[in-house]
Each structure stands twice: as C-alpha cells, then as structure tokens.
Amino acid sequence: MDNQIKILVKDRDGKTYNLVTPTDMSLNLMEVLKLNEFDVEGTCGGIAMCASCQCYIKSKHKLEEKSYDEDAMLSEAFHVKQDSRLGCQIKITEALNGLVVEIAPKEN
C-alpha cells in the first residue's frame, strides 16, 4: 500500500466510509471527496474563496496552520466549529493516514 493512506469520512447523512487515496498525486481533501462522489461542491475550485468544502477534522492529526485566506473564509461561513477546515486547503500526505473527517452541512 505504498503511496496510499486511509481516510474515514462521515457524510452529511451520518454514514461513514473508509477511503483509500493516493499521496503521490498532489490532491487535496476536497478533490478526494469529489472524486469519491461525496456531496461537496468546491465552488471556487479550491482557492479558499468559498466554504462549500468545509469539513470538521475529528482526529488529532497535525495539519498545516490555516492560511489568512482560509481563516477569513471560515469567519464568514455557516456551521463553523472549532475543528472546521476547508478541504481544499488540506493537502493529502502520508502524515494524514487515518484522518477522520466529517463533512459540514450545506450553507443554505
């Protein structure tokens, strides 16, 4: 299982899924969720200009600090919690093996 990690995803209906995703394709979490047909819009295309890929990080993985743009976007988003992140800003790396994610409710 070289260059692959496991991610546990809880969707908006409360169902959980185990994903296996590559770490060598420069993907971010939003792209992984979209590729696996989860209900995540990613309206801005992954540049932290919307919050349609907001997720809650439920595991204790050490993530990169939020950028100014991500922090600013989350300050204007709905359903924000302490563990909210934009999926488009989380790069998939080997260090994220076992990541647990819950997809945030839609904003409308």
Protein backbone atom coordinates (compact mmCIF):
# COMPACT_ATOMS: atom_id res chain seq x y z
CA MET A 1 0.00 0.00 0.00
CA ASP A 2 2.82 2.39 -0.85
CA ASN A 3 1.80 5.98 -1.55
CA GLN A 4 -1.72 5.44 -0.19
CA ILE A 5 -3.47 6.39 3.03
CA LYS A 6 -6.78 5.59 4.65
CA ILE A 7 -9.31 8.31 5.49
CA LEU A 8 -12.56 7.81 7.40
CA VAL A 9 -15.33 10.12 6.14
CA LYS A 10 -18.70 10.81 7.74
CA ASP A 11 -21.13 12.24 5.19
CA ARG A 12 -23.99 14.69 5.74
CA ASP A 13 -26.39 11.79 6.39
CA GLY A 14 -24.21 10.41 9.19
CA LYS A 15 -22.92 7.41 7.21
CA THR A 16 -19.23 6.57 7.47
CA TYR A 17 -16.96 5.44 4.67
CA ASN A 18 -13.39 4.17 4.57
CA LEU A 19 -11.44 5.64 1.67
CA VAL A 20 -8.05 4.70 0.34
CA THR A 21 -6.42 7.55 -1.51
CA PRO A 22 -3.03 8.15 -3.14
CA THR A 23 -0.50 10.53 -1.64
CA ASP A 24 1.56 10.98 -4.80
CA MET A 25 -0.94 12.90 -6.95
CA SER A 26 -0.89 16.33 -5.21
CA LEU A 27 -4.55 16.02 -4.26
CA ASN A 28 -6.29 17.94 -1.51
CA LEU A 29 -9.10 16.66 0.69
CA MET A 30 -11.81 18.44 -1.33
CA GLU A 31 -10.62 16.73 -4.52
CA VAL A 32 -10.55 13.33 -2.82
CA LEU A 33 -14.11 13.81 -1.58
CA LYS A 34 -15.32 14.93 -5.01
CA LEU A 35 -13.54 12.04 -6.74
CA ASN A 36 -15.37 9.67 -4.38
CA GLU A 37 -18.70 11.35 -5.24
CA PHE A 38 -19.39 12.94 -1.85
CA ASP A 39 -21.74 15.93 -1.79
CA VAL A 40 -19.02 18.59 -1.67
CA GLU A 41 -19.24 21.46 -4.12
CA GLY A 42 -15.84 23.14 -4.15
CA THR A 43 -17.47 26.05 -5.96
CA CYS A 44 -14.32 28.20 -6.08
CA GLY A 45 -12.18 25.38 -7.45
CA GLY A 46 -10.01 25.08 -4.38
CA ILE A 47 -8.67 28.57 -3.75
CA ALA A 48 -10.29 29.20 -0.33
CA MET A 49 -12.83 31.67 -1.71
CA CYS A 50 -15.98 29.81 -0.66
CA ALA A 51 -16.78 27.41 2.15
CA SER A 52 -18.57 24.72 0.19
CA CYS A 53 -15.88 22.16 1.07
CA GLN A 54 -15.93 22.84 4.81
CA CYS A 55 -15.18 19.78 6.93
CA TYR A 56 -14.71 19.01 10.59
CA ILE A 57 -11.42 17.31 11.40
CA LYS A 58 -12.27 14.73 14.07
CA SER A 59 -8.86 13.11 14.51
CA LYS A 60 -5.83 14.61 16.23
CA HIS A 61 -3.65 14.87 13.12
CA LYS A 62 -1.31 17.82 12.98
CA LEU A 63 -2.36 19.89 9.99
CA GLU A 64 -0.69 22.88 8.41
CA GLU A 65 -1.77 26.14 10.04
CA LYS A 66 -4.75 27.88 8.45
CA SER A 67 -3.74 30.47 5.91
CA TYR A 68 -5.07 34.01 6.18
CA ASP A 69 -7.47 33.28 3.30
CA GLU A 70 -8.80 30.10 4.88
CA ASP A 71 -9.26 31.76 8.25
CA ALA A 72 -11.04 34.73 6.65
CA MET A 73 -13.37 32.47 4.67
CA LEU A 74 -14.26 30.39 7.72
CA SER A 75 -15.01 33.58 9.67
CA GLU A 76 -17.83 34.26 7.19
CA ALA A 77 -19.09 30.68 6.79
CA PHE A 78 -22.07 28.95 8.40
CA HIS A 79 -21.87 25.90 10.71
CA VAL A 80 -18.27 26.70 11.73
CA LYS A 81 -16.88 24.75 14.69
CA GLN A 82 -13.54 24.69 16.47
CA ASP A 83 -12.37 21.85 14.20
CA SER A 84 -13.59 23.40 10.91
CA ARG A 85 -11.25 23.44 7.94
CA LEU A 86 -11.63 23.94 4.22
CA GLY A 87 -10.99 20.65 2.49
CA CYS A 88 -9.32 22.40 -0.43
CA GLN A 89 -6.57 23.62 1.92
CA ILE A 90 -5.64 20.19 3.30
CA LYS A 91 -3.00 18.53 1.15
CA ILE A 92 -3.09 14.74 1.14
CA THR A 93 0.19 13.42 2.54
CA GLU A 94 1.34 10.22 4.21
CA ALA A 95 1.15 12.02 7.57
CA LEU A 96 -2.66 12.08 7.23
CA ASN A 97 -3.05 8.30 7.30
CA GLY A 98 -6.07 7.54 9.50
CA LEU A 99 -7.56 11.03 9.16
CA VAL A 100 -11.17 11.24 10.37
CA VAL A 101 -13.35 13.84 8.65
CA GLU A 102 -16.99 14.88 8.88
CA ILE A 103 -18.48 16.88 6.01
CA ALA A 104 -20.12 20.07 7.29
CA PRO A 105 -23.79 20.80 6.49
CA LYS A 106 -24.58 22.82 3.38
CA GLU A 107 -24.73 26.55 3.91
CA ASN A 108 -28.29 27.05 2.67
